[in-house]
């Protein structure tokens, strides 16, 4: 946000990348008692067609916030808008195993293999790790305030994985303890696909939960 006049105007500048370079601004023009016009100005160095319906959704949210009710005819995304949304969705990036993943560190204090991936948590998304229960499909082995750990033991290895909730991100971390040569061979092979599968599971879960979260206009209006 680069400019803000309370009740009158707000401007957001982009920083390049997938969203291009430019800005968008909302101006409120008074039209008399209990009436106003909201004007949206958008200037970006990229094709705008895929984002037209998303801009219409912004106006839906404005209507919800201002009138405390849903729009009369809310915008429905067409396939091209859904495709653009999917293409520009955040992607997990590799990080060290979070130091505050207490359950994971206690369960596997000297791991033979670890990895962790992180995704941002948009505003309004649940910060309850139980909502991410099915990301790694294994039995639950422990829960904490911001961590849920699953895992499975076998003759060749012990596996633990934790969903760790941070202030503005979620991390999926794994730790493995090997028991024998079979375990080492298994990790050597399965480890090739593990990063891809982990990123895919985390991204799908984050997208599913984000799309099921109430829109900003509904949250601001206090809708149930």
Protein backbone atom coordinates (compact mmCIF):
# COMPACT_ATOMS: atom_id res chain seq x y z
CA UNK A 1 0.00 0.00 0.00
CA UNK A 2 1.62 3.23 -1.14
CA UNK A 3 -1.12 5.80 -0.51
CA UNK A 4 -4.11 5.98 1.82
CA UNK A 5 -6.67 8.69 2.56
CA UNK A 6 -9.18 7.32 5.11
CA UNK A 7 -12.66 7.09 3.62
CA UNK A 8 -11.50 8.50 0.29
CA UNK A 9 -8.76 6.56 -1.49
CA UNK A 10 -6.26 3.71 -1.25
CA UNK A 11 -3.53 2.68 -3.71
CA UNK A 12 -1.57 -0.57 -4.04
CA UNK A 13 1.60 -0.88 -6.12
CA UNK A 14 2.84 -4.18 -7.53
CA UNK A 15 6.50 -5.14 -7.31
CA UNK A 16 6.90 -6.98 -10.61
CA UNK A 17 6.98 -10.74 -11.06
CA UNK A 18 3.85 -12.60 -12.10
CA UNK A 19 1.60 -9.59 -11.43
CA UNK A 20 3.59 -7.26 -13.67
CA UNK A 21 4.55 -3.69 -12.86
CA UNK A 22 2.04 -0.98 -12.02
CA UNK A 23 -0.69 -0.16 -9.49
CA UNK A 24 -4.37 -0.26 -8.73
CA UNK A 25 -6.33 2.36 -6.77
CA UNK A 26 -9.80 2.69 -5.28
CA UNK A 27 -11.41 6.14 -4.98
CA UNK A 28 -14.66 6.88 -3.15
CA UNK A 29 -16.67 9.79 -4.61
CA UNK A 30 -19.52 11.13 -2.39
CA UNK A 31 -22.86 11.48 -4.22
CA UNK A 32 -24.98 12.84 -1.40
CA UNK A 33 -26.42 11.39 1.83
CA UNK A 34 -25.91 7.62 2.05
CA UNK A 35 -24.64 7.41 -1.54
CA UNK A 36 -21.22 7.17 -3.15
CA UNK A 37 -19.42 5.92 -6.22
CA UNK A 38 -16.39 3.62 -5.97
CA UNK A 39 -13.92 3.99 -8.85
CA UNK A 40 -11.21 1.44 -9.51
CA UNK A 41 -8.15 2.48 -11.54
CA UNK A 42 -5.80 -0.27 -12.71
CA UNK A 43 -2.54 0.18 -14.62
CA UNK A 44 -0.38 -2.91 -15.17
CA UNK A 45 2.19 -3.91 -17.77
CA UNK A 46 0.49 -7.25 -18.49
CA UNK A 47 -2.68 -8.57 -20.18
CA UNK A 48 -5.69 -7.79 -17.98
CA UNK A 49 -8.35 -10.05 -19.51
CA UNK A 50 -7.85 -13.02 -17.13
CA UNK A 51 -8.26 -10.71 -14.12
CA UNK A 52 -11.44 -8.88 -15.13
CA UNK A 53 -13.68 -11.21 -13.14
CA UNK A 54 -11.35 -11.04 -10.13
CA UNK A 55 -11.76 -7.25 -10.20
CA UNK A 56 -15.51 -7.76 -10.23
CA UNK A 57 -15.11 -9.93 -7.13
CA UNK A 58 -13.39 -7.00 -5.42
CA UNK A 59 -16.51 -4.92 -6.04
CA UNK A 60 -18.61 -7.77 -4.62
CA UNK A 61 -16.52 -7.55 -1.45
CA UNK A 62 -16.92 -3.78 -1.33
CA UNK A 63 -20.69 -4.20 -1.56
CA UNK A 64 -20.67 -6.80 1.22
CA UNK A 65 -18.58 -4.57 3.49
CA UNK A 66 -20.54 -1.37 2.83
CA UNK A 67 -24.07 -2.82 2.94
CA UNK A 68 -23.55 -5.82 5.25
CA UNK A 69 -25.27 -8.13 2.79
CA UNK A 70 -24.26 -10.33 -0.16
CA UNK A 71 -24.33 -8.80 -3.65
CA UNK A 72 -27.58 -9.17 -5.56
CA UNK A 73 -25.82 -11.16 -8.33
CA UNK A 74 -22.36 -12.25 -7.15
CA UNK A 75 -19.67 -12.80 -9.76
CA UNK A 76 -19.01 -16.36 -10.88
CA UNK A 77 -15.54 -17.16 -12.13
CA UNK A 78 -15.25 -18.45 -15.67
CA UNK A 79 -12.70 -21.14 -16.66
CA UNK A 80 -10.04 -18.66 -17.79
CA UNK A 81 -10.21 -16.83 -14.48
CA UNK A 82 -9.91 -20.12 -12.59
CA UNK A 83 -6.91 -21.06 -14.74
CA UNK A 84 -5.19 -17.75 -14.02
CA UNK A 85 -5.86 -18.22 -10.32
CA UNK A 86 -4.28 -21.68 -10.42
CA UNK A 87 -1.23 -20.55 -12.43
CA UNK A 88 -0.37 -17.72 -10.05
CA UNK A 89 -1.07 -19.64 -6.84
CA UNK A 90 1.78 -19.60 -4.33
CA UNK A 91 4.26 -22.48 -4.57
CA UNK A 92 6.03 -24.13 -1.62
CA UNK A 93 9.70 -23.35 -1.05
CA UNK A 94 12.26 -25.37 0.86
CA UNK A 95 13.16 -24.24 4.39
CA UNK A 96 14.98 -25.75 7.38
CA UNK A 97 12.85 -27.83 9.73
CA UNK A 98 11.21 -25.22 12.00
CA UNK A 99 12.89 -25.02 15.41
CA UNK A 100 9.45 -24.77 17.06
CA UNK A 101 8.32 -28.14 15.60
CA UNK A 102 8.70 -29.53 19.11
CA UNK A 103 6.82 -32.78 18.59
CA UNK A 104 8.87 -33.64 15.53
CA UNK A 105 12.20 -32.89 17.19
CA UNK A 106 11.27 -34.92 20.26
CA UNK A 107 10.02 -37.88 18.20
CA UNK A 108 13.13 -38.07 15.99
CA UNK A 109 15.99 -36.37 17.87
CA UNK A 110 18.71 -37.71 15.53
CA UNK A 111 17.12 -38.06 12.09
CA UNK A 112 18.84 -39.60 9.10
CA UNK A 113 16.73 -37.58 6.67
CA UNK A 114 14.78 -34.33 7.00
CA UNK A 115 13.08 -31.80 4.78
CA UNK A 116 10.54 -29.00 5.14
CA UNK A 117 8.44 -26.86 2.81
CA UNK A 118 6.60 -23.63 3.57
CA UNK A 119 3.61 -21.81 2.06
CA UNK A 120 2.08 -18.44 3.03
CA UNK A 121 -1.23 -18.34 4.90
CA UNK A 122 -3.50 -15.65 3.42
CA UNK A 123 -5.66 -13.59 5.80
CA UNK A 124 -8.74 -15.40 7.06
CA UNK A 125 -7.33 -18.93 6.71
CA UNK A 126 -7.48 -21.27 9.69
CA UNK A 127 -4.47 -21.34 12.00
CA UNK A 128 -5.63 -24.65 13.51
CA UNK A 129 -3.24 -27.48 12.49
CA UNK A 130 -6.10 -29.99 12.77
CA UNK A 131 -7.63 -28.49 9.64
CA UNK A 132 -4.55 -29.77 7.78
CA UNK A 133 -4.95 -33.28 9.19
CA UNK A 134 -5.10 -35.13 5.88
CA UNK A 135 -2.11 -33.53 4.16
CA UNK A 136 0.21 -36.42 5.13
CA UNK A 137 -2.06 -39.53 5.10
CA UNK A 138 -0.74 -41.26 8.22
CA UNK A 139 -2.04 -41.85 11.76
CA UNK A 140 -1.86 -38.89 14.15
CA UNK A 141 0.98 -39.28 16.67
CA UNK A 142 0.65 -36.01 18.59
CA UNK A 143 -0.88 -32.54 18.66
CA UNK A 144 0.20 -29.22 20.12
CA UNK A 145 -1.00 -25.63 19.96
CA UNK A 146 0.35 -25.04 16.45
CA UNK A 147 1.61 -28.45 15.42
CA UNK A 148 0.05 -31.74 14.36
CA UNK A 149 2.35 -34.73 13.90
CA UNK A 150 1.60 -37.93 12.01
CA UNK A 151 3.79 -40.94 11.40
CA UNK A 152 4.31 -44.61 10.90
CA UNK A 153 6.90 -47.12 12.13
CA UNK A 154 8.20 -50.07 10.12
CA UNK A 155 11.01 -52.58 10.39
CA UNK A 156 13.22 -50.57 8.03
CA UNK A 157 12.47 -46.99 9.19
CA UNK A 158 10.42 -44.67 11.42
CA UNK A 159 8.69 -41.76 9.70
CA UNK A 160 7.26 -38.61 11.25
CA UNK A 161 5.75 -35.56 9.56
CA UNK A 162 4.42 -32.38 11.16
CA UNK A 163 2.16 -29.60 10.00
CA UNK A 164 3.52 -26.49 11.73
CA UNK A 165 1.49 -23.27 11.78
CA UNK A 166 3.37 -19.98 11.93
CA UNK A 167 2.00 -16.43 12.11
CA UNK A 168 1.70 -16.03 8.34
CA UNK A 169 2.77 -19.40 6.93
CA UNK A 170 2.33 -23.15 7.18
CA UNK A 171 5.19 -25.62 7.00
CA UNK A 172 5.17 -29.35 6.28
CA UNK A 173 8.27 -30.97 7.80
CA UNK A 174 9.41 -34.60 7.79
CA UNK A 175 12.01 -36.60 9.70
CA UNK A 176 13.10 -40.20 9.14
CA UNK A 177 15.15 -42.55 11.29
CA UNK A 178 16.65 -45.51 9.38
CA UNK A 179 17.08 -48.96 10.89
CA UNK A 180 18.94 -50.98 8.27
CA UNK A 181 20.13 -51.26 4.68
CA UNK A 182 16.59 -51.77 3.43
CA UNK A 183 15.65 -48.43 4.93
CA UNK A 184 18.56 -46.69 3.25
CA UNK A 185 17.63 -48.22 -0.11
CA UNK A 186 14.01 -47.19 0.36
CA UNK A 187 14.93 -43.56 1.09
CA UNK A 188 17.36 -43.50 -1.83
CA UNK A 189 14.50 -44.38 -4.19
CA UNK A 190 11.48 -42.79 -2.51
CA UNK A 191 13.49 -39.67 -1.71
CA UNK A 192 13.53 -38.81 -5.43
CA UNK A 193 9.74 -38.41 -5.50
CA UNK A 194 9.29 -37.17 -1.93
CA UNK A 195 9.91 -33.42 -2.57
CA UNK A 196 7.48 -33.38 -5.51
CA UNK A 197 4.74 -35.24 -3.63
CA UNK A 198 5.20 -33.12 -0.51
CA UNK A 199 4.91 -29.88 -2.46
CA UNK A 200 1.86 -31.18 -4.31
CA UNK A 201 0.04 -32.27 -1.13
CA UNK A 202 0.80 -29.02 0.68
CA UNK A 203 -0.20 -26.81 -2.23
CA UNK A 204 -3.48 -28.70 -2.82
CA UNK A 205 -4.41 -28.53 0.85
CA UNK A 206 -3.58 -24.83 1.10
CA UNK A 207 -5.60 -24.08 -2.03
CA UNK A 208 -8.58 -26.14 -0.81
CA UNK A 209 -8.64 -24.40 2.57
CA UNK A 210 -8.09 -20.96 1.06
CA UNK A 211 -10.97 -21.36 -1.40
CA UNK A 212 -13.28 -22.55 1.38
CA UNK A 213 -12.48 -19.49 3.53
CA UNK A 214 -15.08 -16.74 3.66
CA UNK A 215 -14.35 -13.78 1.40
CA UNK A 216 -12.91 -10.62 2.93
CA UNK A 217 -16.18 -8.77 2.41
CA UNK A 218 -18.13 -11.44 4.31
CA UNK A 219 -15.63 -11.39 7.20
CA UNK A 220 -15.70 -7.59 7.40
CA UNK A 221 -19.49 -7.59 7.37
CA UNK A 222 -19.60 -10.15 10.16
CA UNK A 223 -21.62 -12.62 8.07
CA UNK A 224 -22.06 -16.11 9.58
